[in-house]
Amino acid sequence: TIKMADSHSSTMKSANDATTSSISGGKGSSANDDSTSPKRYIYTQVDMEHFKHSSAHKELLGFVSTMGKGLTSSNNTNSSSPHSYNAHAPLNDLSPALASLHGSLSCMSTWIDPNTTDGLPPDKEVKARFGNPVFRTWHQRLTERSGAIIKCLMECHGKYVNYNNMESLETAPTKEEILKECSQLGYQAASSSDDSSTTTSDHEISPKENEIINELRCYLHDAFGHPIRLDYGTGHECSFIVFLLSLCKIGCFNWTGAGGGANPTSPEVIGHASLALLHAYLNVTRGLQRDYMLEPAGSHGVWGLDDYHCVPFYLGACQMRAREQWQQQRQQTEKKKKLEAKESSGIGTDTDDDARRLPDNPYLPESTTVTDPSDPPILDATHADNNDHWDPSIIHNRPNLESYRGTYLYLSCIHFIQQIKPGVPFFESSPMLNDISHLGNWSKVMAGLLRLFEGEVLNKLPVVQHFVFGSIFKANWTPSRKGPLEAPKRTFIGGPGGVEVTGGMPVTRAPWAK
């Protein structure tokens, strides 16, 4: 076990301070003063209009937009393959807290595995078209272990909150060692039902810290489907995005300090961390969708983008756009180096490049030229696809889907659709995605999918009506009612003769009644 010299008394202090000051505006009160548990605020169309104009709506949409901007930012283009996700080193772009979460998600993906000692495979005797009841047991396990998962990630954040001050010490562990340790702790937290089994300190949790943990638990519970309805949809996906937003607001995306005020989290950090976490999250949800056959919640059928997801398609399109930008810059850089080399040697003319230039083509970058055997290869050590220009129609190339689905999120989403709908032509199973594949570039795909997320997810009452709000993700309006409507507890007919009724209204007898 790696130990740091700093005291663990600051385990969740930064999260506490961030929530108290930057999130609550320095006040001890919030919209949920009457309870420490988050609660619903959206019941009717009136509440929906309040939500559309609220800071919560703005924050959530802005956070998803920032995910994409972080991948396509010009600050990424100088590094080696900044658009790529390395499945063999998924922790590289994470903080200690997020590495712990990644480890927990990795463990959760094994809960359904029948080969594990406590696996929960689906009941093969159930003949229902949708929804295997074993999912209720899976979700109950999530509820039981979510406290340990949240405590573990917050302890990992607090433990290394002062890492920059310790980095110069000879005894300080490397970042790779810290991330690996936190990932292992997160895995252990999700594999044990005992909250105290992964606790690394005797730090006593304050009421404010406990409120934060309870709020984060609620978002995590709602992120994997509904245990009663046995369904999953974009509303549950949004709960996971709210969970990530809340972690970002309390500073868990950073190695040090809180994520607001003088130490904001950069878009690049948010983008790359979200990409890694969504890969891990989808490994869990796809297993639930495939093995437990969860019913698509609120799906538009073939006329929707996808039965279950929206955000991964947007973030995947941003990743493809980042690849496109990086590729163009690499080509321009290599061309510039080649011209400089020719000028310094005194050979070659500008007409050589012009003669080899392809005719104008709207689907190719402007700098594309016919390959010259003397040109240096533009290849990365781990990604041999960097020379290939991919427009949105790349999704119809099955060999590329198989080869690069672990690297590119968009291709992973398309591959999963084809996996769960085998033998169905893609233009029939997913006509909207098929239409998107005919767009000329990834910029149009990005912009369209972000508008789709806002219009068809955030602005739809059936999707967001189950959102809960607390002190981190706050509602700033008064809900139209105090709670959901309850089903009647008595029948309308009070006695065997049918004379007495609960509402005081006489019974209307059927014409054929005697």
Protein backbone atom coordinates (compact mmCIF):
# COMPACT_ATOMS: atom_id res chain seq x y z
CA THR A 1 0.00 0.00 0.00
CA ILE A 2 1.31 3.42 -0.99
CA LYS A 3 1.36 5.92 1.85
CA MET A 4 1.63 9.70 1.69
CA ALA A 5 3.13 11.94 4.36
CA ASP A 6 0.11 14.23 4.62
CA SER A 7 -2.57 13.59 7.20
CA HIS A 8 -5.82 12.06 6.06
CA SER A 9 -7.84 14.65 7.93
CA SER A 10 -8.36 16.36 4.54
CA THR A 11 -9.85 13.24 3.01
CA MET A 12 -13.03 14.92 1.78
CA LYS A 13 -12.31 18.46 2.90
CA SER A 14 -11.85 19.80 -0.63
CA ALA A 15 -15.14 18.30 -1.74
CA ASN A 16 -16.83 19.73 1.33
CA ASP A 17 -15.36 23.20 0.77
CA ALA A 18 -16.19 23.17 -2.92
CA THR A 19 -19.77 22.18 -2.27
CA THR A 20 -20.24 24.73 0.49
CA SER A 21 -18.67 27.69 -1.31
CA SER A 22 -18.77 27.32 -5.09
CA ILE A 23 -21.89 25.20 -5.34
CA SER A 24 -24.04 26.60 -2.58
CA GLY A 25 -22.81 30.13 -3.14
CA GLY A 26 -21.22 30.21 0.28
CA LYS A 27 -24.53 29.62 2.03
CA GLY A 28 -25.49 26.72 4.17
CA SER A 29 -28.97 26.45 2.69
CA SER A 30 -30.09 24.85 -0.55
CA ALA A 31 -33.23 23.93 -2.40
CA ASN A 32 -33.38 20.75 -0.34
CA ASP A 33 -33.11 22.09 3.19
CA ASP A 34 -35.95 19.88 4.42
CA SER A 35 -34.09 16.69 3.58
CA THR A 36 -30.56 15.52 2.93
CA SER A 37 -31.81 13.21 0.18
CA PRO A 38 -32.24 14.54 -3.37
CA LYS A 39 -35.81 14.69 -4.59
CA ARG A 40 -37.84 15.19 -7.73
CA TYR A 41 -38.76 18.67 -8.93
CA ILE A 42 -40.25 17.91 -12.35
CA TYR A 43 -43.83 16.64 -12.39
CA THR A 44 -45.78 18.73 -14.90
CA GLN A 45 -45.18 20.82 -17.99
CA VAL A 46 -44.96 23.88 -15.74
CA ASP A 47 -42.02 22.32 -13.90
CA MET A 48 -40.56 21.39 -17.26
CA GLU A 49 -40.55 25.02 -18.37
CA HIS A 50 -38.80 25.98 -15.14
CA PHE A 51 -36.17 23.32 -15.78
CA LYS A 52 -35.55 24.47 -19.36
CA HIS A 53 -34.61 27.93 -18.09
CA SER A 54 -32.79 26.79 -14.96
CA SER A 55 -29.11 26.79 -14.13
CA ALA A 56 -29.26 22.99 -13.81
CA HIS A 57 -30.29 22.65 -17.48
CA LYS A 58 -27.57 25.08 -18.52
CA GLU A 59 -24.93 23.27 -16.47
CA LEU A 60 -25.84 19.83 -17.80
CA LEU A 61 -25.93 20.90 -21.44
CA GLY A 62 -22.73 22.91 -20.97
CA PHE A 63 -20.99 19.94 -19.37
CA VAL A 64 -21.85 17.63 -22.28
CA SER A 65 -20.74 20.32 -24.74
CA THR A 66 -17.47 20.74 -22.82
CA MET A 67 -16.81 17.00 -23.09
CA GLY A 68 -16.76 17.37 -26.86
CA LYS A 69 -14.85 20.64 -26.88
CA GLY A 70 -12.19 19.08 -24.69
CA LEU A 71 -11.52 16.45 -27.36
CA THR A 72 -11.51 18.86 -30.30
CA SER A 73 -9.55 21.60 -28.55
CA SER A 74 -6.53 22.95 -30.40
CA ASN A 75 -4.50 22.36 -27.22
CA ASN A 76 -4.65 18.62 -27.95
CA THR A 77 -3.19 18.64 -31.44
CA ASN A 78 0.50 18.77 -30.47
CA SER A 79 0.53 15.48 -28.59
CA SER A 80 0.77 12.01 -30.12
CA SER A 81 -2.67 10.79 -31.24
CA PRO A 82 -4.65 12.96 -28.78
CA HIS A 83 -7.90 11.68 -30.27
CA SER A 84 -7.18 8.05 -29.42
CA TYR A 85 -8.39 6.09 -26.44
CA ASN A 86 -5.90 3.48 -25.30
CA ALA A 87 -7.87 0.53 -23.95
CA HIS A 88 -4.64 -0.97 -22.62
CA ALA A 89 -3.96 2.10 -20.46
CA PRO A 90 -7.44 3.45 -19.57
CA LEU A 91 -6.27 5.27 -16.43
CA ASN A 92 -3.83 7.64 -18.13
CA ASP A 93 -6.22 10.61 -18.33
CA LEU A 94 -7.91 10.13 -14.96
CA SER A 95 -7.49 11.62 -11.50
CA PRO A 96 -7.20 9.38 -8.41
CA ALA A 97 -10.95 9.72 -7.70
CA LEU A 98 -11.90 8.85 -11.28
CA ALA A 99 -9.43 5.96 -11.34
CA SER A 100 -11.28 4.57 -8.31
CA LEU A 101 -14.60 4.99 -10.15
CA HIS A 102 -13.13 3.28 -13.20
CA GLY A 103 -12.10 0.33 -11.04
CA SER A 104 -15.61 0.11 -9.56
CA LEU A 105 -17.20 0.13 -13.01
CA SER A 106 -14.81 -2.61 -14.09
CA CYS A 107 -15.96 -4.71 -11.15
CA MET A 108 -19.64 -3.97 -11.83
CA SER A 109 -19.26 -5.32 -15.36
CA THR A 110 -18.43 -8.73 -13.80
CA TRP A 111 -21.51 -8.91 -11.57
CA ILE A 112 -23.49 -10.45 -14.40
CA ASP A 113 -20.78 -13.00 -15.26
CA PRO A 114 -21.92 -16.55 -14.39
CA ASN A 115 -18.28 -17.66 -14.10
CA THR A 116 -17.65 -15.48 -11.04
CA THR A 117 -18.39 -16.68 -7.52
CA ASP A 118 -21.17 -14.14 -6.94
CA GLY A 119 -22.28 -13.69 -10.55
CA LEU A 120 -25.92 -12.91 -11.34
CA PRO A 121 -26.65 -14.50 -14.74
CA PRO A 122 -30.13 -13.99 -16.22
CA ASP A 123 -32.83 -16.52 -15.45
CA LYS A 124 -33.18 -18.60 -18.62
CA GLU A 125 -36.60 -19.88 -17.55
CA VAL A 126 -38.18 -16.44 -17.90
CA LYS A 127 -40.08 -16.17 -21.19
CA ALA A 128 -40.68 -12.41 -21.13
CA ARG A 129 -39.68 -10.48 -24.25
CA PHE A 130 -38.13 -7.67 -22.18
CA GLY A 131 -36.75 -7.50 -18.66
CA ASN A 132 -35.19 -10.38 -16.79
CA PRO A 133 -36.17 -10.16 -13.08
CA VAL A 134 -32.60 -11.02 -11.98
CA PHE A 135 -31.80 -7.40 -12.82
CA ARG A 136 -33.63 -6.42 -9.63
CA THR A 137 -31.06 -8.42 -7.64
CA TRP A 138 -28.25 -6.77 -9.63
CA HIS A 139 -29.65 -3.32 -8.84
CA GLN A 140 -30.10 -4.21 -5.19
CA ARG A 141 -26.41 -5.06 -5.08
CA LEU A 142 -25.63 -1.66 -6.58
CA THR A 143 -27.72 0.00 -3.87
CA GLU A 144 -25.93 -1.92 -1.14
CA ARG A 145 -22.41 -1.21 -2.41
CA SER A 146 -22.81 2.31 -3.79
CA GLY A 147 -21.90 3.84 -0.41
CA ALA A 148 -18.53 2.08 -0.41
CA ILE A 149 -17.94 3.05 -4.05
CA ILE A 150 -18.55 6.75 -3.38
CA LYS A 151 -16.59 6.81 -0.13
CA CYS A 152 -13.65 5.12 -1.81
CA LEU A 153 -13.41 7.57 -4.69
CA MET A 154 -13.71 10.56 -2.36
CA GLU A 155 -11.05 9.16 -0.06
CA CYS A 156 -8.74 8.66 -3.04
CA HIS A 157 -9.34 12.28 -4.00
CA GLY A 158 -8.65 13.54 -0.48
CA LYS A 159 -5.60 11.31 0.01
CA TYR A 160 -3.74 12.79 -2.96
CA VAL A 161 -5.16 16.29 -2.96
CA ASN A 162 -1.72 17.66 -2.11
CA TYR A 163 0.21 15.42 -4.48
CA ASN A 164 1.85 18.32 -6.35
CA ASN A 165 3.56 19.35 -3.11
CA MET A 166 4.84 15.80 -2.57
CA GLU A 167 5.89 15.03 -6.14
CA SER A 168 9.43 16.32 -5.64
CA LEU A 169 10.08 13.96 -2.72
CA GLU A 170 12.11 10.84 -3.47
CA THR A 171 9.65 8.65 -1.57
CA ALA A 172 6.61 9.97 -3.43
CA PRO A 173 4.90 7.39 -5.66
CA THR A 174 4.50 8.05 -9.37
CA LYS A 175 1.15 9.03 -10.82
CA GLU A 176 0.90 5.65 -12.55
CA GLU A 177 1.32 3.88 -9.19
CA ILE A 178 -1.31 6.08 -7.56
CA LEU A 179 -3.85 5.54 -10.33
CA LYS A 180 -3.32 1.80 -10.26
CA GLU A 181 -3.73 1.72 -6.48
CA CYS A 182 -6.93 3.81 -6.59
CA SER A 183 -8.35 1.63 -9.36
CA GLN A 184 -7.72 -1.47 -7.26
CA LEU A 185 -9.36 0.13 -4.24
CA GLY A 186 -12.40 1.05 -6.35
CA TYR A 187 -12.63 -2.52 -7.63
CA GLN A 188 -12.52 -3.84 -4.06
CA ALA A 189 -15.20 -1.36 -2.97
CA ALA A 190 -17.57 -2.67 -5.65
CA SER A 191 -16.77 -6.31 -4.90
CA SER A 192 -17.57 -6.20 -1.20
CA SER A 193 -20.83 -5.49 0.59
CA ASP A 194 -18.93 -4.29 3.67
CA ASP A 195 -18.53 -0.49 3.60
CA SER A 196 -15.61 -0.61 6.03
CA SER A 197 -13.56 -3.17 4.05
CA THR A 198 -12.06 -0.53 1.73
CA THR A 199 -11.85 2.37 4.16
CA THR A 200 -8.25 3.57 4.41
CA SER A 201 -8.58 5.96 7.33
CA ASP A 202 -10.38 6.60 10.58
CA HIS A 203 -11.66 9.95 9.33
CA GLU A 204 -15.13 10.61 10.70
CA ILE A 205 -17.63 11.68 8.04
CA SER A 206 -19.25 15.01 8.76
CA PRO A 207 -22.98 15.67 8.12
CA LYS A 208 -22.11 17.76 5.06
CA GLU A 209 -19.88 15.05 3.64
CA ASN A 210 -22.59 12.49 4.31
CA GLU A 211 -25.05 14.67 2.40
CA ILE A 212 -22.68 14.75 -0.57
CA ILE A 213 -22.29 10.97 -0.49
CA ASN A 214 -26.06 10.41 -0.33
CA GLU A 215 -26.63 12.73 -3.26
CA LEU A 216 -23.99 11.05 -5.38
CA ARG A 217 -25.44 7.65 -4.51
CA CYS A 218 -28.86 8.69 -5.81
CA TYR A 219 -27.40 9.70 -9.18
CA LEU A 220 -25.46 6.44 -9.38
CA HIS A 221 -28.54 4.33 -8.53
CA ASP A 222 -30.50 5.92 -11.37
CA ALA A 223 -27.70 5.50 -13.92
CA PHE A 224 -28.18 1.81 -14.71
CA GLY A 225 -31.89 1.33 -15.31
CA HIS A 226 -35.10 1.02 -13.30
CA PRO A 227 -35.39 -2.09 -11.09
CA ILE A 228 -39.21 -2.12 -11.14
CA ARG A 229 -39.91 -1.32 -14.78
CA LEU A 230 -36.84 -3.30 -15.92
CA ASP A 231 -35.96 -0.68 -18.51
CA TYR A 232 -33.09 1.59 -19.48
CA GLY A 233 -33.00 4.76 -21.57
CA THR A 234 -31.46 8.16 -22.13
CA GLY A 235 -32.84 9.37 -18.80
CA HIS A 236 -30.69 6.82 -16.97
CA GLU A 237 -27.73 7.76 -19.14
CA CYS A 238 -28.32 11.39 -18.15
CA SER A 239 -28.19 10.39 -14.48
CA PHE A 240 -24.67 9.12 -15.06
CA ILE A 241 -23.77 12.41 -16.76
CA VAL A 242 -25.21 14.27 -13.75
CA PHE A 243 -23.08 12.01 -11.54
CA LEU A 244 -19.95 13.00 -13.51
CA LEU A 245 -20.98 16.67 -13.46
CA SER A 246 -21.34 16.53 -9.69
CA LEU A 247 -17.91 14.92 -9.31
CA CYS A 248 -16.47 17.65 -11.50
CA LYS A 249 -18.09 20.38 -9.42
CA ILE A 250 -16.59 19.07 -6.19
CA GLY A 251 -13.14 18.83 -7.78
CA CYS A 252 -12.76 15.09 -8.36
CA PHE A 253 -11.70 15.53 -12.00
CA ASN A 254 -8.52 17.29 -10.85
CA TRP A 255 -5.48 15.96 -9.05
CA THR A 256 -5.51 18.86 -6.63
CA GLY A 257 -8.08 21.17 -5.13
CA ALA A 258 -11.65 21.80 -6.22
CA GLY A 259 -12.95 22.20 -9.73
CA GLY A 260 -14.25 25.72 -9.39
CA GLY A 261 -13.05 29.21 -8.58
CA ALA A 262 -9.33 29.73 -8.99
CA ASN A 263 -8.71 26.12 -10.04
CA PRO A 264 -11.24 25.29 -12.78
CA THR A 265 -11.19 21.97 -14.58
CA SER A 266 -10.01 22.42 -18.16
CA PRO A 267 -12.14 21.17 -21.08
CA GLU A 268 -9.27 18.91 -22.15
CA VAL A 269 -9.28 17.15 -18.77
CA ILE A 270 -13.07 16.76 -18.84
CA GLY A 271 -13.10 15.49 -22.41
CA HIS A 272 -10.45 12.80 -22.08
CA ALA A 273 -11.58 11.67 -18.62
CA SER A 274 -15.19 11.39 -19.80
CA LEU A 275 -14.10 9.37 -22.82
CA ALA A 276 -12.35 6.82 -20.61
CA LEU A 277 -15.22 6.65 -18.11
CA LEU A 278 -17.89 6.26 -20.80
CA HIS A 279 -16.03 3.28 -22.22
CA ALA A 280 -16.12 1.65 -18.76
CA TYR A 281 -19.75 2.70 -18.19
CA LEU A 282 -20.88 1.26 -21.53
CA ASN A 283 -19.20 -2.05 -20.70
CA VAL A 284 -21.63 -2.29 -17.78
CA THR A 285 -24.82 -1.00 -19.43
CA ARG A 286 -24.36 -3.04 -22.60
CA GLY A 287 -24.11 -6.18 -20.52
CA LEU A 288 -27.35 -5.25 -18.75
CA GLN A 289 -29.11 -4.45 -22.02
CA ARG A 290 -27.91 -7.59 -23.75
CA ASP A 291 -28.15 -10.22 -20.99
CA TYR A 292 -31.07 -8.88 -18.93
CA MET A 293 -32.89 -7.63 -22.05
CA LEU A 294 -33.85 -4.33 -20.43
CA GLU A 295 -36.69 -2.63 -22.27
CA PRO A 296 -35.76 0.61 -24.08
CA ALA A 297 -37.29 3.41 -22.01
CA GLY A 298 -39.00 6.06 -24.13
CA SER A 299 -37.47 4.78 -27.37
CA HIS A 300 -38.74 6.13 -30.70
CA GLY A 301 -38.06 2.75 -32.28
CA VAL A 302 -36.30 2.78 -35.63
CA TRP A 303 -37.05 6.50 -35.96
CA GLY A 304 -34.84 7.40 -33.02
CA LEU A 305 -31.08 7.69 -32.87
CA ASP A 306 -30.66 4.60 -30.68
CA ASP A 307 -32.76 2.48 -28.34
CA TYR A 308 -30.68 3.31 -25.27
CA HIS A 309 -28.04 6.02 -25.72
CA CYS A 310 -27.33 9.49 -27.07
CA VAL A 311 -24.28 11.08 -25.40
CA PRO A 312 -21.78 8.35 -26.46
CA PHE A 313 -22.64 9.06 -30.10
CA TYR A 314 -21.97 12.77 -29.62
CA LEU A 315 -18.71 12.23 -27.76
CA GLY A 316 -17.70 9.62 -30.32
CA ALA A 317 -18.33 12.07 -33.17
CA CYS A 318 -16.19 14.64 -31.34
CA GLN A 319 -13.43 12.07 -31.07
CA MET A 320 -13.63 11.42 -34.82
CA ARG A 321 -13.53 15.17 -35.50
CA ALA A 322 -10.46 15.45 -33.26
CA ARG A 323 -8.85 12.66 -35.28
CA GLU A 324 -9.68 14.54 -38.47
CA GLN A 325 -8.15 17.77 -37.12
CA TRP A 326 -5.03 16.02 -35.87
CA GLN A 327 -4.60 14.21 -39.18
CA GLN A 328 -4.83 17.43 -41.17
CA GLN A 329 -2.31 19.14 -38.93
CA ARG A 330 0.09 16.20 -39.18
CA GLN A 331 -0.16 16.26 -42.96
CA GLN A 332 0.50 19.98 -43.06
CA THR A 333 3.44 19.62 -40.67
CA GLU A 334 5.00 16.81 -42.69
CA LYS A 335 4.53 18.77 -45.91
CA LYS A 336 6.19 21.81 -44.36
CA LYS A 337 9.15 19.73 -43.16
CA LYS A 338 9.54 18.20 -46.59
CA LEU A 339 9.53 21.60 -48.31
CA GLU A 340 12.08 22.93 -45.84
CA ALA A 341 14.29 19.90 -46.46
CA LYS A 342 14.09 20.42 -50.23
CA GLU A 343 14.89 24.13 -49.92
CA SER A 344 17.88 23.46 -47.71
CA SER A 345 19.22 20.85 -50.14
CA GLY A 346 18.52 23.01 -53.20
CA ILE A 347 16.47 20.38 -55.04
CA GLY A 348 12.81 20.15 -55.96
CA THR A 349 10.30 22.82 -56.90
CA ASP A 350 6.85 23.82 -55.79
CA THR A 351 5.43 22.50 -59.05
CA ASP A 352 6.25 18.95 -57.97
CA ASP A 353 3.65 19.05 -55.20
CA ASP A 354 1.10 20.80 -57.43
CA ALA A 355 1.47 18.11 -60.09
CA ARG A 356 0.79 15.38 -57.56
CA ARG A 357 -2.23 17.07 -55.98
CA LEU A 358 -5.60 15.36 -56.22
CA PRO A 359 -8.59 17.18 -57.77
CA ASP A 360 -10.75 19.07 -55.30
CA ASN A 361 -12.93 16.70 -53.31
CA PRO A 362 -15.22 17.89 -50.50
CA TYR A 363 -14.68 14.61 -48.60
CA LEU A 364 -10.89 14.94 -48.42
CA PRO A 365 -8.72 17.38 -46.46
CA GLU A 366 -7.32 20.22 -48.55
CA SER A 367 -3.72 19.07 -48.03
CA THR A 368 -4.27 15.54 -49.35
CA THR A 369 -1.75 14.54 -52.03
CA VAL A 370 -0.90 11.40 -53.92
CA THR A 371 1.46 9.28 -51.87
CA ASP A 372 5.10 9.79 -52.71
CA PRO A 373 7.34 6.82 -51.85
CA SER A 374 9.91 9.25 -50.48
CA ASP A 375 7.43 10.81 -48.02
CA PRO A 376 7.93 9.81 -44.37
CA PRO A 377 5.06 7.62 -43.10
CA ILE A 378 2.56 9.34 -40.81
CA LEU A 379 2.04 6.46 -38.43
CA ASP A 380 1.70 6.14 -34.71
CA ALA A 381 3.28 3.30 -32.80
CA THR A 382 -0.09 1.96 -31.68
CA HIS A 383 -2.52 3.30 -34.28
CA ALA A 384 -1.81 2.35 -37.89
CA ASP A 385 -5.07 3.99 -39.02
CA ASN A 386 -3.73 7.55 -38.80
CA ASN A 387 -3.11 7.82 -42.55
CA ASP A 388 -6.66 6.85 -43.49
CA HIS A 389 -9.24 9.57 -44.00
CA TRP A 390 -12.52 8.54 -42.40
CA ASP A 391 -15.71 10.40 -43.16
CA PRO A 392 -19.00 9.40 -41.42
CA SER A 393 -19.57 6.64 -43.97
CA ILE A 394 -16.77 4.67 -42.28
CA ILE A 395 -19.45 2.95 -40.18
CA HIS A 396 -20.32 0.75 -43.17
CA ASN A 397 -16.80 -0.68 -43.24
CA ARG A 398 -17.11 -3.81 -41.10
CA PRO A 399 -13.37 -4.62 -40.91
CA ASN A 400 -12.70 -1.14 -39.50
CA LEU A 401 -15.56 -1.51 -37.01
CA GLU A 402 -14.01 -4.72 -35.73
CA SER A 403 -10.46 -3.37 -35.66
CA TYR A 404 -11.06 0.04 -34.07
CA ARG A 405 -14.22 -0.29 -31.94
CA GLY A 406 -12.04 -0.43 -28.84
CA THR A 407 -10.38 2.88 -29.74
CA TYR A 408 -13.16 5.01 -31.21
CA LEU A 409 -16.38 5.39 -29.24
CA TYR A 410 -18.59 6.10 -32.27
CA LEU A 411 -17.49 2.89 -33.99
CA SER A 412 -18.05 1.02 -30.73
CA CYS A 413 -21.66 2.24 -30.58
CA ILE A 414 -22.34 1.22 -34.19
CA HIS A 415 -20.74 -2.19 -33.64
CA PHE A 416 -22.95 -2.87 -30.60
CA ILE A 417 -26.11 -2.07 -32.58
CA GLN A 418 -25.09 -4.55 -35.26
CA GLN A 419 -24.27 -7.09 -32.56
CA ILE A 420 -27.69 -6.99 -30.88
CA LYS A 421 -29.59 -6.72 -34.20
CA PRO A 422 -27.86 -9.34 -36.34
CA GLY A 423 -29.12 -10.07 -39.82
CA VAL A 424 -31.02 -6.77 -40.09
CA PRO A 425 -29.83 -4.29 -42.73
CA PHE A 426 -28.43 -1.23 -41.00
CA PHE A 427 -30.58 1.19 -43.01
CA GLU A 428 -33.65 -0.63 -41.64
CA SER A 429 -32.58 -1.05 -38.00
CA SER A 430 -31.08 2.45 -37.65
CA PRO A 431 -32.31 4.77 -40.43
CA MET A 432 -31.28 7.95 -38.59
CA LEU A 433 -27.70 6.77 -38.06
CA ASN A 434 -27.65 5.58 -41.65
CA ASP A 435 -28.71 9.06 -42.82
CA ILE A 436 -26.04 10.64 -40.61
CA SER A 437 -23.40 8.48 -42.33
CA HIS A 438 -24.05 10.38 -45.56
CA LEU A 439 -23.00 13.74 -44.10
CA GLY A 440 -19.81 15.18 -45.50
CA ASN A 441 -17.79 15.71 -42.33
CA TRP A 442 -17.74 15.07 -38.60
CA SER A 443 -18.33 18.71 -37.68
CA LYS A 444 -21.90 18.47 -38.98
CA VAL A 445 -22.40 15.21 -37.09
CA MET A 446 -21.15 16.80 -33.86
CA ALA A 447 -23.40 19.84 -34.13
CA GLY A 448 -26.45 17.80 -35.04
CA LEU A 449 -26.04 15.29 -32.22
CA LEU A 450 -25.64 18.04 -29.60
CA ARG A 451 -28.87 19.66 -30.83
CA LEU A 452 -30.51 16.24 -30.74
CA PHE A 453 -29.40 15.72 -27.13
CA GLU A 454 -30.89 19.04 -26.08
CA GLY A 455 -34.12 18.72 -28.04
CA GLU A 456 -34.91 15.03 -27.65
CA VAL A 457 -33.44 14.33 -24.23
CA LEU A 458 -33.08 17.41 -22.00
CA ASN A 459 -36.23 19.11 -23.29
CA LYS A 460 -38.52 16.08 -23.10
CA LEU A 461 -40.69 15.69 -19.98
CA PRO A 462 -40.90 11.85 -20.14
CA VAL A 463 -37.09 11.68 -20.08
CA VAL A 464 -36.16 14.18 -17.36
CA GLN A 465 -39.21 13.91 -15.09
CA HIS A 466 -37.37 11.39 -12.91
CA PHE A 467 -34.33 13.63 -12.34
CA VAL A 468 -33.55 14.25 -8.69
CA PHE A 469 -31.90 17.42 -7.40
CA GLY A 470 -29.79 18.04 -4.33
CA SER A 471 -27.20 20.53 -3.10
CA ILE A 472 -24.71 19.93 -5.94
CA PHE A 473 -27.07 19.59 -8.90
CA LYS A 474 -29.64 22.10 -7.70
CA ALA A 475 -33.19 23.06 -8.65
CA ASN A 476 -33.99 26.76 -8.19
CA TRP A 477 -37.78 26.59 -8.47
CA THR A 478 -40.66 25.32 -6.36
CA PRO A 479 -42.13 22.10 -7.74
CA SER A 480 -45.81 21.95 -8.66
CA ARG A 481 -46.42 19.33 -5.97
CA LYS A 482 -44.60 17.81 -3.05
CA GLY A 483 -44.40 14.29 -4.42
CA PRO A 484 -45.60 11.90 -7.11
CA LEU A 485 -49.25 10.95 -7.24
CA GLU A 486 -50.08 7.76 -5.39
CA ALA A 487 -52.40 5.04 -6.58
CA PRO A 488 -55.77 4.75 -4.73
CA LYS A 489 -55.58 2.55 -1.68
CA ARG A 490 -59.32 1.65 -1.72
CA THR A 491 -61.75 0.59 -4.40
CA PHE A 492 -64.49 2.94 -5.56
CA ILE A 493 -67.18 0.62 -4.27
CA GLY A 494 -67.22 0.54 -0.49
CA GLY A 495 -69.27 -2.60 0.19
CA PRO A 496 -70.58 -5.76 -1.40
CA GLY A 497 -73.83 -4.03 -2.34
CA GLY A 498 -72.08 -1.30 -4.24
CA VAL A 499 -73.83 1.51 -2.37
CA GLU A 500 -71.01 3.34 -0.62
CA VAL A 501 -68.24 5.02 -2.62
CA THR A 502 -65.08 6.75 -1.39
CA GLY A 503 -65.54 9.98 -3.34
CA GLY A 504 -69.18 10.67 -2.39
CA MET A 505 -70.34 10.27 -6.00
CA PRO A 506 -73.16 7.79 -6.72
CA VAL A 507 -72.36 4.68 -8.70
CA THR A 508 -73.39 4.67 -12.36
CA ARG A 509 -74.94 1.30 -13.03
CA ALA A 510 -74.36 -0.49 -16.29
CA PRO A 511 -77.47 -0.68 -18.56
CA TRP A 512 -77.51 -4.45 -18.31
CA ALA A 513 -77.14 -4.53 -14.52
CA LYS A 514 -80.13 -5.82 -12.55
